Protein backbone atom coordinates (compact mmCIF):
# COMPACT_ATOMS: atom_id res chain seq x y z
CA UNK A 1 0.00 0.00 0.00
CA UNK A 2 2.87 2.42 0.81
CA UNK A 3 4.44 1.76 -2.59
CA UNK A 4 1.17 2.64 -4.30
CA UNK A 5 0.93 5.93 -2.39
CA UNK A 6 4.50 6.78 -3.40
CA UNK A 7 3.77 5.99 -7.06
CA UNK A 8 0.66 8.18 -6.97
CA UNK A 9 2.60 11.03 -5.36
CA UNK A 10 5.29 10.83 -8.05
CA UNK A 11 2.69 10.63 -10.82
CA UNK A 12 1.06 13.84 -9.63
CA UNK A 13 4.33 15.83 -9.45
CA UNK A 14 4.29 17.15 -13.06
CA UNK A 15 0.76 18.41 -12.51
CA UNK A 16 1.85 20.22 -9.35
CA UNK A 17 4.82 21.72 -11.18
CA UNK A 18 2.53 22.90 -13.98
CA UNK A 19 0.15 24.35 -11.40
CA UNK A 20 3.05 26.16 -9.77
CA UNK A 21 4.10 27.68 -13.10
CA UNK A 22 0.57 28.80 -13.96
CA UNK A 23 -0.04 30.12 -10.46
CA UNK A 24 3.30 31.92 -10.41
CA UNK A 25 2.42 33.74 -13.62
CA UNK A 26 -0.99 34.63 -12.18
CA UNK A 27 0.65 35.88 -8.98
CA UNK A 28 3.21 37.97 -10.88
CA UNK A 29 0.44 39.49 -13.01
CA UNK A 30 -1.45 40.42 -9.85
CA UNK A 31 1.68 42.06 -8.44
CA UNK A 32 2.20 44.12 -11.61
CA UNK A 33 -1.43 45.23 -11.57
CA UNK A 34 -1.25 46.21 -7.91
CA UNK A 35 2.07 47.97 -8.48
CA UNK A 36 0.60 50.09 -11.26
CA UNK A 37 -2.45 50.81 -9.13
CA UNK A 38 -0.21 51.85 -6.22
CA UNK A 39 1.75 54.17 -8.52
CA UNK A 40 -1.49 55.99 -9.40
CA UNK A 41 -2.27 54.65 -12.88
CA UNK A 42 -5.95 55.30 -13.65
CA UNK A 43 -8.02 52.11 -13.82
CA UNK A 44 -9.13 52.78 -17.39
CA UNK A 45 -5.50 53.15 -18.51
CA UNK A 46 -4.58 49.86 -16.87
CA UNK A 47 -7.47 48.10 -18.62
CA UNK A 48 -6.46 49.68 -21.96
CA UNK A 49 -2.83 48.62 -21.45
CA UNK A 50 -3.87 45.05 -20.56
CA UNK A 51 -6.09 44.84 -23.64
CA UNK A 52 -3.40 46.26 -25.94
CA UNK A 53 -0.92 43.65 -24.71
CA UNK A 54 -3.45 40.82 -25.01
CA UNK A 55 -3.56 40.06 -21.28
CA UNK A 56 -7.09 41.14 -20.47
CA UNK A 57 -9.22 38.13 -19.59
CA UNK A 58 -11.71 37.28 -16.85
CA UNK A 59 -8.98 36.72 -14.26
CA UNK A 60 -7.22 39.97 -15.12
CA UNK A 61 -10.53 41.80 -14.92
CA UNK A 62 -11.05 40.50 -11.39
CA UNK A 63 -7.49 41.48 -10.45
CA UNK A 64 -7.99 45.03 -11.71
CA UNK A 65 -11.29 45.43 -9.89
CA UNK A 66 -9.86 44.06 -6.64
CA UNK A 67 -6.70 46.19 -6.89
CA UNK A 68 -8.76 49.36 -7.21
CA UNK A 69 -10.94 48.35 -4.28
CA UNK A 70 -7.84 48.80 -2.10
CA UNK A 71 -6.58 52.26 -1.22
CA UNK A 72 -3.35 53.57 -2.66
CA UNK A 73 -0.53 53.44 -0.14
CA UNK A 74 1.49 56.49 0.81
CA UNK A 75 4.85 54.94 1.71
CA UNK A 76 7.07 52.87 -0.57
CA UNK A 77 7.22 50.20 2.13
CA UNK A 78 3.44 49.83 2.24
CA UNK A 79 3.19 49.88 -1.58
CA UNK A 80 5.60 46.93 -1.70
CA UNK A 81 3.64 45.14 1.00
CA UNK A 82 0.38 45.68 -0.92
CA UNK A 83 1.94 44.18 -4.07
CA UNK A 84 3.29 41.14 -2.25
CA UNK A 85 0.08 40.44 -0.36
CA UNK A 86 -2.02 40.86 -3.50
CA UNK A 87 0.21 38.47 -5.46
CA UNK A 88 0.15 35.96 -2.61
CA UNK A 89 -3.65 36.07 -2.44
CA UNK A 90 -3.95 35.22 -6.14
CA UNK A 91 -1.28 32.50 -5.90
CA UNK A 92 -3.11 30.90 -3.00
CA UNK A 93 -6.45 31.10 -4.78
CA UNK A 94 -4.89 29.52 -7.87
CA UNK A 95 -3.30 26.56 -6.08
CA UNK A 96 -6.48 25.97 -4.07
CA UNK A 97 -8.51 25.45 -7.28
PDB file of N, CA and C in Angstrom:
ATOM      1  N   UNK A   1       0.821  -1.187   0.000  1.00  0.00           N
ATOM      2  CA  UNK A   1       0.000   0.000   0.000  1.00  0.00           C
ATOM      3  C   UNK A   1       0.864   1.249   0.000  1.00  0.00           C
ATOM      4  N   UNK A   2       1.985   1.257   0.770  1.00  0.00           N
ATOM      5  CA  UNK A   2       2.869   2.421   0.814  1.00  0.00           C
ATOM      6  C   UNK A   2       3.502   2.669  -0.549  1.00  0.00           C
ATOM      7  N   UNK A   3       3.844   1.591  -1.260  1.00  0.00           N
ATOM      8  CA  UNK A   3       4.438   1.756  -2.586  1.00  0.00           C
ATOM      9  C   UNK A   3       3.451   2.432  -3.526  1.00  0.00           C
ATOM     10  N   UNK A   4       2.199   2.053  -3.440  1.00  0.00           N
ATOM     11  CA  UNK A   4       1.169   2.637  -4.299  1.00  0.00           C
ATOM     12  C   UNK A   4       1.018   4.138  -4.013  1.00  0.00           C
ATOM     13  N   UNK A   5       1.044   4.515  -2.766  1.00  0.00           N
ATOM     14  CA  UNK A   5       0.932   5.931  -2.394  1.00  0.00           C
ATOM     15  C   UNK A   5       2.129   6.714  -2.943  1.00  0.00           C
ATOM     16  N   UNK A   6       3.315   6.110  -2.881  1.00  0.00           N
ATOM     17  CA  UNK A   6       4.502   6.778  -3.404  1.00  0.00           C
ATOM     18  C   UNK A   6       4.419   6.945  -4.919  1.00  0.00           C
ATOM     19  N   UNK A   7       3.933   5.915  -5.601  1.00  0.00           N
ATOM     20  CA  UNK A   7       3.766   5.990  -7.058  1.00  0.00           C
ATOM     21  C   UNK A   7       2.774   7.093  -7.416  1.00  0.00           C
ATOM     22  N   UNK A   8       1.679   7.160  -6.700  1.00  0.00           N
ATOM     23  CA  UNK A   8       0.662   8.181  -6.972  1.00  0.00           C
ATOM     24  C   UNK A   8       1.217   9.577  -6.707  1.00  0.00           C
ATOM     25  N   UNK A   9       2.002   9.725  -5.672  1.00  0.00           N
ATOM     26  CA  UNK A   9       2.604  11.027  -5.362  1.00  0.00           C
ATOM     27  C   UNK A   9       3.549  11.450  -6.480  1.00  0.00           C
ATOM     28  N   UNK A  10       4.369  10.519  -6.959  1.00  0.00           N
ATOM     29  CA  UNK A  10       5.286  10.831  -8.052  1.00  0.00           C
ATOM     30  C   UNK A  10       4.538  11.134  -9.340  1.00  0.00           C
ATOM     31  N   UNK A  11       3.467  10.421  -9.598  1.00  0.00           N
ATOM     32  CA  UNK A  11       2.690  10.634 -10.816  1.00  0.00           C
ATOM     33  C   UNK A  11       2.045  12.015 -10.830  1.00  0.00           C
ATOM     34  N   UNK A  12       1.732  12.542  -9.676  1.00  0.00           N
ATOM     35  CA  UNK A  12       1.063  13.841  -9.634  1.00  0.00           C
ATOM     36  C   UNK A  12       2.048  15.010  -9.633  1.00  0.00           C
ATOM     37  N   UNK A  13       3.348  14.755  -9.514  1.00  0.00           N
ATOM     38  CA  UNK A  13       4.328  15.832  -9.445  1.00  0.00           C
ATOM     39  C   UNK A  13       4.341  16.728 -10.674  1.00  0.00           C
ATOM     40  N   UNK A  14       4.309  16.232 -11.909  1.00  0.00           N
ATOM     41  CA  UNK A  14       4.294  17.146 -13.058  1.00  0.00           C
ATOM     42  C   UNK A  14       3.080  18.078 -13.041  1.00  0.00           C
ATOM     43  N   UNK A  15       1.952  17.574 -12.586  1.00  0.00           N
ATOM     44  CA  UNK A  15       0.758  18.408 -12.510  1.00  0.00           C
ATOM     45  C   UNK A  15       0.989  19.526 -11.492  1.00  0.00           C
ATOM     46  N   UNK A  16       1.573  19.196 -10.353  1.00  0.00           N
ATOM     47  CA  UNK A  16       1.849  20.219  -9.346  1.00  0.00           C
ATOM     48  C   UNK A  16       2.838  21.245  -9.879  1.00  0.00           C
ATOM     49  N   UNK A  17       3.840  20.794 -10.611  1.00  0.00           N
ATOM     50  CA  UNK A  17       4.816  21.721 -11.182  1.00  0.00           C
ATOM     51  C   UNK A  17       4.144  22.642 -12.191  1.00  0.00           C
ATOM     52  N   UNK A  18       3.267  22.082 -13.014  1.00  0.00           N
ATOM     53  CA  UNK A  18       2.534  22.901 -13.979  1.00  0.00           C
ATOM     54  C   UNK A  18       1.639  23.895 -13.249  1.00  0.00           C
ATOM     55  N   UNK A  19       0.982  23.451 -12.187  1.00  0.00           N
ATOM     56  CA  UNK A  19       0.145  24.351 -11.396  1.00  0.00           C
ATOM     57  C   UNK A  19       0.988  25.478 -10.820  1.00  0.00           C
ATOM     58  N   UNK A  20       2.168  25.141 -10.335  1.00  0.00           N
ATOM     59  CA  UNK A  20       3.051  26.158  -9.768  1.00  0.00           C
ATOM     60  C   UNK A  20       3.405  27.204 -10.825  1.00  0.00           C
ATOM     61  N   UNK A  21       3.731  26.748 -12.034  1.00  0.00           N
ATOM     62  CA  UNK A  21       4.102  27.679 -13.104  1.00  0.00           C
ATOM     63  C   UNK A  21       2.935  28.594 -13.458  1.00  0.00           C
ATOM     64  N   UNK A  22       1.756  28.016 -13.634  1.00  0.00           N
ATOM     65  CA  UNK A  22       0.567  28.802 -13.961  1.00  0.00           C
ATOM     66  C   UNK A  22       0.246  29.772 -12.828  1.00  0.00           C
ATOM     67  N   UNK A  23       0.289  29.289 -11.612  1.00  0.00           N
ATOM     68  CA  UNK A  23      -0.043  30.122 -10.457  1.00  0.00           C
ATOM     69  C   UNK A  23       1.009  31.205 -10.225  1.00  0.00           C
ATOM     70  N   UNK A  24       2.252  30.908 -10.534  1.00  0.00           N
ATOM     71  CA  UNK A  24       3.303  31.918 -10.412  1.00  0.00           C
ATOM     72  C   UNK A  24       3.077  33.061 -11.397  1.00  0.00           C
ATOM     73  N   UNK A  25       2.707  32.713 -12.617  1.00  0.00           N
ATOM     74  CA  UNK A  25       2.416  33.739 -13.621  1.00  0.00           C
ATOM     75  C   UNK A  25       1.218  34.580 -13.174  1.00  0.00           C
ATOM     76  N   UNK A  26       0.195  33.915 -12.665  1.00  0.00           N
ATOM     77  CA  UNK A  26      -0.988  34.628 -12.182  1.00  0.00           C
ATOM     78  C   UNK A  26      -0.614  35.555 -11.022  1.00  0.00           C
ATOM     79  N   UNK A  27       0.211  35.086 -10.118  1.00  0.00           N
ATOM     80  CA  UNK A  27       0.651  35.883  -8.982  1.00  0.00           C
ATOM     81  C   UNK A  27       1.470  37.089  -9.435  1.00  0.00           C
ATOM     82  N   UNK A  28       2.383  36.874 -10.364  1.00  0.00           N
ATOM     83  CA  UNK A  28       3.208  37.969 -10.883  1.00  0.00           C
ATOM     84  C   UNK A  28       2.353  39.011 -11.593  1.00  0.00           C
ATOM     85  N   UNK A  29       1.356  38.561 -12.336  1.00  0.00           N
ATOM     86  CA  UNK A  29       0.439  39.486 -13.008  1.00  0.00           C
ATOM     87  C   UNK A  29      -0.293  40.333 -11.979  1.00  0.00           C
ATOM     88  N   UNK A  30      -0.755  39.689 -10.912  1.00  0.00           N
ATOM     89  CA  UNK A  30      -1.448  40.416  -9.852  1.00  0.00           C
ATOM     90  C   UNK A  30      -0.530  41.458  -9.217  1.00  0.00           C
ATOM     91  N   UNK A  31       0.735  41.114  -9.024  1.00  0.00           N
ATOM     92  CA  UNK A  31       1.681  42.061  -8.438  1.00  0.00           C
ATOM     93  C   UNK A  31       1.915  43.258  -9.353  1.00  0.00           C
ATOM     94  N   UNK A  32       2.023  43.013 -10.651  1.00  0.00           N
ATOM     95  CA  UNK A  32       2.204  44.115 -11.606  1.00  0.00           C
ATOM     96  C   UNK A  32       0.989  45.032 -11.582  1.00  0.00           C
ATOM     97  N   UNK A  33      -0.200  44.437 -11.597  1.00  0.00           N
ATOM     98  CA  UNK A  33      -1.434  45.232 -11.567  1.00  0.00           C
ATOM     99  C   UNK A  33      -1.495  46.066 -10.301  1.00  0.00           C
ATOM    100  N   UNK A  34      -1.212  45.453  -9.159  1.00  0.00           N
ATOM    101  CA  UNK A  34      -1.250  46.212  -7.906  1.00  0.00           C
ATOM    102  C   UNK A  34      -0.163  47.282  -7.885  1.00  0.00           C
ATOM    103  N   UNK A  35       1.001  46.980  -8.432  1.00  0.00           N
ATOM    104  CA  UNK A  35       2.070  47.972  -8.484  1.00  0.00           C
ATOM    105  C   UNK A  35       1.670  49.204  -9.288  1.00  0.00           C
ATOM    106  N   UNK A  36       1.048  48.974 -10.440  1.00  0.00           N
ATOM    107  CA  UNK A  36       0.596  50.093 -11.263  1.00  0.00           C
ATOM    108  C   UNK A  36      -0.518  50.868 -10.566  1.00  0.00           C
ATOM    109  N   UNK A  37      -1.393  50.154  -9.880  1.00  0.00           N
ATOM    110  CA  UNK A  37      -2.446  50.811  -9.130  1.00  0.00           C
ATOM    111  C   UNK A  37      -1.845  51.679  -8.021  1.00  0.00           C
ATOM    112  N   UNK A  38      -0.848  51.127  -7.316  1.00  0.00           N
ATOM    113  CA  UNK A  38      -0.212  51.846  -6.220  1.00  0.00           C
ATOM    114  C   UNK A  38       0.569  53.072  -6.713  1.00  0.00           C
ATOM    115  N   UNK A  39       1.026  53.034  -7.952  1.00  0.00           N
ATOM    116  CA  UNK A  39       1.747  54.174  -8.520  1.00  0.00           C
ATOM    117  C   UNK A  39       0.799  55.236  -9.074  1.00  0.00           C
ATOM    118  N   UNK A  40      -0.511  54.973  -9.013  1.00  0.00           N
ATOM    119  CA  UNK A  40      -1.486  55.989  -9.404  1.00  0.00           C
ATOM    120  C   UNK A  40      -2.006  55.897 -10.818  1.00  0.00           C
ATOM    121  N   UNK A  41      -1.738  54.795 -11.526  1.00  0.00           N
ATOM    122  CA  UNK A  41      -2.268  54.655 -12.878  1.00  0.00           C
ATOM    123  C   UNK A  41      -3.793  54.576 -12.819  1.00  0.00           C
ATOM    124  N   UNK A  42      -4.481  55.388 -13.623  1.00  0.00           N
ATOM    125  CA  UNK A  42      -5.950  55.296 -13.649  1.00  0.00           C
ATOM    126  C   UNK A  42      -6.406  53.904 -14.099  1.00  0.00           C
ATOM    127  N   UNK A  43      -7.492  53.451 -13.535  1.00  0.00           N
ATOM    128  CA  UNK A  43      -8.016  52.107 -13.821  1.00  0.00           C
ATOM    129  C   UNK A  43      -8.253  51.923 -15.323  1.00  0.00           C
ATOM    130  N   UNK A  44      -8.830  52.919 -15.959  1.00  0.00           N
ATOM    131  CA  UNK A  44      -9.130  52.780 -17.395  1.00  0.00           C
ATOM    132  C   UNK A  44      -7.854  52.607 -18.214  1.00  0.00           C
ATOM    133  N   UNK A  45      -6.766  53.291 -17.799  1.00  0.00           N
ATOM    134  CA  UNK A  45      -5.496  53.147 -18.507  1.00  0.00           C
ATOM    135  C   UNK A  45      -4.910  51.753 -18.318  1.00  0.00           C
ATOM    136  N   UNK A  46      -5.065  51.210 -17.139  1.00  0.00           N
ATOM    137  CA  UNK A  46      -4.578  49.856 -16.867  1.00  0.00           C
ATOM    138  C   UNK A  46      -5.352  48.829 -17.693  1.00  0.00           C
ATOM    139  N   UNK A  47      -6.658  49.007 -17.792  1.00  0.00           N
ATOM    140  CA  UNK A  47      -7.473  48.103 -18.620  1.00  0.00           C
ATOM    141  C   UNK A  47      -7.057  48.231 -20.083  1.00  0.00           C
ATOM    142  N   UNK A  48      -6.892  49.470 -20.565  1.00  0.00           N
ATOM    143  CA  UNK A  48      -6.463  49.677 -21.958  1.00  0.00           C
ATOM    144  C   UNK A  48      -5.115  49.023 -22.220  1.00  0.00           C
ATOM    145  N   UNK A  49      -4.163  49.204 -21.307  1.00  0.00           N
ATOM    146  CA  UNK A  49      -2.834  48.621 -21.452  1.00  0.00           C
ATOM    147  C   UNK A  49      -2.909  47.093 -21.496  1.00  0.00           C
ATOM    148  N   UNK A  50      -3.707  46.514 -20.602  1.00  0.00           N
ATOM    149  CA  UNK A  50      -3.868  45.053 -20.563  1.00  0.00           C
ATOM    150  C   UNK A  50      -4.466  44.532 -21.863  1.00  0.00           C
ATOM    151  N   UNK A  51      -5.451  45.254 -22.383  1.00  0.00           N
ATOM    152  CA  UNK A  51      -6.089  44.835 -23.644  1.00  0.00           C
ATOM    153  C   UNK A  51      -5.117  44.955 -24.812  1.00  0.00           C
ATOM    154  N   UNK A  52      -4.370  46.056 -24.859  1.00  0.00           N
ATOM    155  CA  UNK A  52      -3.396  46.265 -25.939  1.00  0.00           C
ATOM    156  C   UNK A  52      -2.354  45.157 -25.966  1.00  0.00           C
ATOM    157  N   UNK A  53      -1.946  44.684 -24.787  1.00  0.00           N
ATOM    158  CA  UNK A  53      -0.917  43.649 -24.706  1.00  0.00           C
ATOM    159  C   UNK A  53      -1.491  42.238 -24.754  1.00  0.00           C
ATOM    160  N   UNK A  54      -2.811  42.126 -24.881  1.00  0.00           N
ATOM    161  CA  UNK A  54      -3.447  40.820 -25.012  1.00  0.00           C
ATOM    162  C   UNK A  54      -3.558  40.039 -23.717  1.00  0.00           C
ATOM    163  N   UNK A  55      -3.504  40.733 -22.579  1.00  0.00           N
ATOM    164  CA  UNK A  55      -3.559  40.061 -21.281  1.00  0.00           C
ATOM    165  C   UNK A  55      -4.883  40.240 -20.558  1.00  0.00           C
ATOM    166  N   UNK A  56      -5.851  40.856 -21.194  1.00  0.00           N
ATOM    167  CA  UNK A  56      -7.089  41.144 -20.470  1.00  0.00           C
ATOM    168  C   UNK A  56      -8.071  39.999 -20.659  1.00  0.00           C
ATOM    169  N   UNK A  57      -8.260  39.222 -19.589  1.00  0.00           N
ATOM    170  CA  UNK A  57      -9.225  38.132 -19.593  1.00  0.00           C
ATOM    171  C   UNK A  57     -10.049  38.232 -18.317  1.00  0.00           C
ATOM    172  N   UNK A  58     -10.846  37.231 -18.033  1.00  0.00           N
ATOM    173  CA  UNK A  58     -11.714  37.279 -16.847  1.00  0.00           C
ATOM    174  C   UNK A  58     -10.908  37.389 -15.558  1.00  0.00           C
ATOM    175  N   UNK A  59      -9.797  36.673 -15.467  1.00  0.00           N
ATOM    176  CA  UNK A  59      -8.977  36.725 -14.259  1.00  0.00           C
ATOM    177  C   UNK A  59      -8.343  38.101 -14.100  1.00  0.00           C
ATOM    178  N   UNK A  60      -7.828  38.637 -15.183  1.00  0.00           N
ATOM    179  CA  UNK A  60      -7.220  39.967 -15.122  1.00  0.00           C
ATOM    180  C   UNK A  60      -8.260  41.010 -14.748  1.00  0.00           C
ATOM    181  N   UNK A  61      -9.458  40.866 -15.253  1.00  0.00           N
ATOM    182  CA  UNK A  61     -10.527  41.804 -14.923  1.00  0.00           C
ATOM    183  C   UNK A  61     -10.798  41.804 -13.414  1.00  0.00           C
ATOM    184  N   UNK A  62     -10.846  40.610 -12.829  1.00  0.00           N
ATOM    185  CA  UNK A  62     -11.052  40.495 -11.385  1.00  0.00           C
ATOM    186  C   UNK A  62      -9.886  41.145 -10.640  1.00  0.00           C
ATOM    187  N   UNK A  63      -8.662  40.894 -11.101  1.00  0.00           N
ATOM    188  CA  UNK A  63      -7.490  41.479 -10.454  1.00  0.00           C
ATOM    189  C   UNK A  63      -7.562  43.005 -10.456  1.00  0.00           C
ATOM    190  N   UNK A  64      -7.910  43.571 -11.599  1.00  0.00           N
ATOM    191  CA  UNK A  64      -7.992  45.030 -11.711  1.00  0.00           C
ATOM    192  C   UNK A  64      -9.047  45.574 -10.758  1.00  0.00           C
ATOM    193  N   UNK A  65     -10.218  44.968 -10.775  1.00  0.00           N
ATOM    194  CA  UNK A  65     -11.291  45.432  -9.888  1.00  0.00           C
ATOM    195  C   UNK A  65     -10.878  45.344  -8.421  1.00  0.00           C
ATOM    196  N   UNK A  66     -10.270  44.232  -8.041  1.00  0.00           N
ATOM    197  CA  UNK A  66      -9.864  44.063  -6.642  1.00  0.00           C
ATOM    198  C   UNK A  66      -8.733  45.024  -6.264  1.00  0.00           C
ATOM    199  N   UNK A  67      -7.809  45.269  -7.185  1.00  0.00           N
ATOM    200  CA  UNK A  67      -6.702  46.186  -6.893  1.00  0.00           C
ATOM    201  C   UNK A  67      -7.228  47.589  -6.624  1.00  0.00           C
ATOM    202  N   UNK A  68      -8.226  48.006  -7.383  1.00  0.00           N
ATOM    203  CA  UNK A  68      -8.755  49.362  -7.215  1.00  0.00           C
ATOM    204  C   UNK A  68      -9.767  49.453  -6.087  1.00  0.00           C
ATOM    205  N   UNK A  69     -10.129  48.331  -5.504  1.00  0.00           N
ATOM    206  CA  UNK A  69     -10.944  48.353  -4.281  1.00  0.00           C
ATOM    207  C   UNK A  69     -10.079  48.690  -3.068  1.00  0.00           C
ATOM    208  N   UNK A  70      -8.772  48.512  -3.198  1.00  0.00           N
ATOM    209  CA  UNK A  70      -7.844  48.798  -2.099  1.00  0.00           C
ATOM    210  C   UNK A  70      -7.326  50.226  -2.243  1.00  0.00           C
ATOM    211  N   UNK A  71      -7.105  50.891  -1.134  1.00  0.00           N
ATOM    212  CA  UNK A  71      -6.582  52.257  -1.220  1.00  0.00           C
ATOM    213  C   UNK A  71      -5.118  52.276  -1.656  1.00  0.00           C
ATOM    214  N   UNK A  72      -4.752  53.382  -2.292  1.00  0.00           N
ATOM    215  CA  UNK A  72      -3.350  53.568  -2.663  1.00  0.00           C
ATOM    216  C   UNK A  72      -2.546  53.859  -1.403  1.00  0.00           C
ATOM    217  N   UNK A  73      -1.400  53.252  -1.301  1.00  0.00           N
ATOM    218  CA  UNK A  73      -0.532  53.442  -0.137  1.00  0.00           C
ATOM    219  C   UNK A  73       0.269  54.726  -0.289  1.00  0.00           C
ATOM    220  N   UNK A  74       0.690  55.266   0.819  1.00  0.00           N
ATOM    221  CA  UNK A  74       1.491  56.495   0.806  1.00  0.00           C
ATOM    222  C   UNK A  74       2.989  56.201   0.822  1.00  0.00           C
ATOM    223  N   UNK A  75       3.414  55.223   1.595  1.00  0.00           N
ATOM    224  CA  UNK A  75       4.849  54.941   1.707  1.00  0.00           C
ATOM    225  C   UNK A  75       5.262  53.849   0.718  1.00  0.00           C
ATOM    226  N   UNK A  76       6.530  53.889   0.326  1.00  0.00           N
ATOM    227  CA  UNK A  76       7.073  52.867  -0.574  1.00  0.00           C
ATOM    228  C   UNK A  76       7.022  51.488   0.082  1.00  0.00           C
ATOM    229  N   UNK A  77       7.259  51.462   1.380  1.00  0.00           N
ATOM    230  CA  UNK A  77       7.223  50.202   2.125  1.00  0.00           C
ATOM    231  C   UNK A  77       5.834  49.564   2.051  1.00  0.00           C
ATOM    232  N   UNK A  78       4.797  50.364   2.256  1.00  0.00           N
ATOM    233  CA  UNK A  78       3.439  49.826   2.240  1.00  0.00           C
ATOM    234  C   UNK A  78       3.006  49.477   0.817  1.00  0.00           C
ATOM    235  N   UNK A  79       3.490  50.226  -0.173  1.00  0.00           N
ATOM    236  CA  UNK A  79       3.194  49.885  -1.577  1.00  0.00           C
ATOM    237  C   UNK A  79       3.750  48.494  -1.897  1.00  0.00           C
ATOM    238  N   UNK A  80       4.977  48.243  -1.466  1.00  0.00           N
ATOM    239  CA  UNK A  80       5.598  46.934  -1.702  1.00  0.00           C
ATOM    240  C   UNK A  80       4.840  45.834  -0.971  1.00  0.00           C
ATOM    241  N   UNK A  81       4.406  46.129   0.232  1.00  0.00           N
ATOM    242  CA  UNK A  81       3.640  45.142   1.001  1.00  0.00           C
ATOM    243  C   UNK A  81       2.306  44.840   0.319  1.00  0.00           C
ATOM    244  N   UNK A  82       1.652  45.866  -0.193  1.00  0.00           N
ATOM    245  CA  UNK A  82       0.378  45.677  -0.915  1.00  0.00           C
ATOM    246  C   UNK A  82       0.585  44.754  -2.121  1.00  0.00           C
ATOM    247  N   UNK A  83       1.653  45.007  -2.888  1.00  0.00           N
ATOM    248  CA  UNK A  83       1.942  44.181  -4.069  1.00  0.00           C
ATOM    249  C   UNK A  83       2.148  42.720  -3.682  1.00  0.00           C
ATOM    250  N   UNK A  84       2.980  42.504  -2.672  1.00  0.00           N
ATOM    251  CA  UNK A  84       3.289  41.142  -2.251  1.00  0.00           C
ATOM    252  C   UNK A  84       2.043  40.419  -1.751  1.00  0.00           C
ATOM    253  N   UNK A  85       1.289  41.064  -0.896  1.00  0.00           N
ATOM    254  CA  UNK A  85       0.076  40.440  -0.356  1.00  0.00           C
ATOM    255  C   UNK A  85      -0.946  40.147  -1.454  1.00  0.00           C
ATOM    256  N   UNK A  86      -1.070  41.052  -2.399  1.00  0.00           N
ATOM    257  CA  UNK A  86      -2.017  40.860  -3.505  1.00  0.00           C
ATOM    258  C   UNK A  86      -1.591  39.671  -4.368  1.00  0.00           C
ATOM    259  N   UNK A  87      -0.304  39.606  -4.687  1.00  0.00           N
ATOM    260  CA  UNK A  87       0.211  38.470  -5.459  1.00  0.00           C
ATOM    261  C   UNK A  87       0.044  37.156  -4.718  1.00  0.00           C
ATOM    262  N   UNK A  88       0.318  37.167  -3.414  1.00  0.00           N
ATOM    263  CA  UNK A  88       0.153  35.958  -2.606  1.00  0.00           C
ATOM    264  C   UNK A  88      -1.296  35.495  -2.568  1.00  0.00           C
ATOM    265  N   UNK A  89      -2.223  36.427  -2.484  1.00  0.00           N
ATOM    266  CA  UNK A  89      -3.647  36.073  -2.443  1.00  0.00           C
ATOM    267  C   UNK A  89      -4.057  35.364  -3.730  1.00  0.00           C
ATOM    268  N   UNK A  90      -3.594  35.864  -4.873  1.00  0.00           N
ATOM    269  CA  UNK A  90      -3.948  35.216  -6.136  1.00  0.00           C
ATOM    270  C   UNK A  90      -3.227  33.887  -6.320  1.00  0.00           C
ATOM    271  N   UNK A  91      -1.988  33.783  -5.832  1.00  0.00           N
ATOM    272  CA  UNK A  91      -1.277  32.503  -5.905  1.00  0.00           C
ATOM    273  C   UNK A  91      -2.021  31.456  -5.076  1.00  0.00           C
ATOM    274  N   UNK A  92      -2.402  31.829  -3.872  1.00  0.00           N
ATOM    275  CA  UNK A  92      -3.115  30.903  -3.001  1.00  0.00           C
ATOM    276  C   UNK A  92      -4.444  30.468  -3.619  1.00  0.00           C
ATOM    277  N   UNK A  93      -5.174  31.417  -4.143  1.00  0.00           N
ATOM    278  CA  UNK A  93      -6.453  31.096  -4.785  1.00  0.00           C
ATOM    279  C   UNK A  93      -6.239  30.128  -5.946  1.00  0.00           C
ATOM    280  N   UNK A  94      -5.181  30.373  -6.710  1.00  0.00           N
ATOM    281  CA  UNK A  94      -4.889  29.522  -7.866  1.00  0.00           C
ATOM    282  C   UNK A  94      -4.548  28.090  -7.459  1.00  0.00           C
ATOM    283  N   UNK A  95      -3.675  27.928  -6.466  1.00  0.00           N
ATOM    284  CA  UNK A  95      -3.298  26.557  -6.085  1.00  0.00           C
ATOM    285  C   UNK A  95      -4.408  25.842  -5.332  1.00  0.00           C
ATOM    286  N   UNK A  96      -5.349  26.589  -4.773  1.00  0.00           N
ATOM    287  CA  UNK A  96      -6.480  25.969  -4.073  1.00  0.00           C
ATOM    288  C   UNK A  96      -7.560  25.470  -5.034  1.00  0.00           C
ATOM    289  N   UNK A  97      -7.469  25.861  -6.309  1.00  0.00           N
ATOM    290  CA  UNK A  97      -8.513  25.447  -7.277  1.00  0.00           C
ATOM    291  C   UNK A  97      -8.405  23.984  -7.582  1.00  0.00           C
TER     292      UNK A  97
END
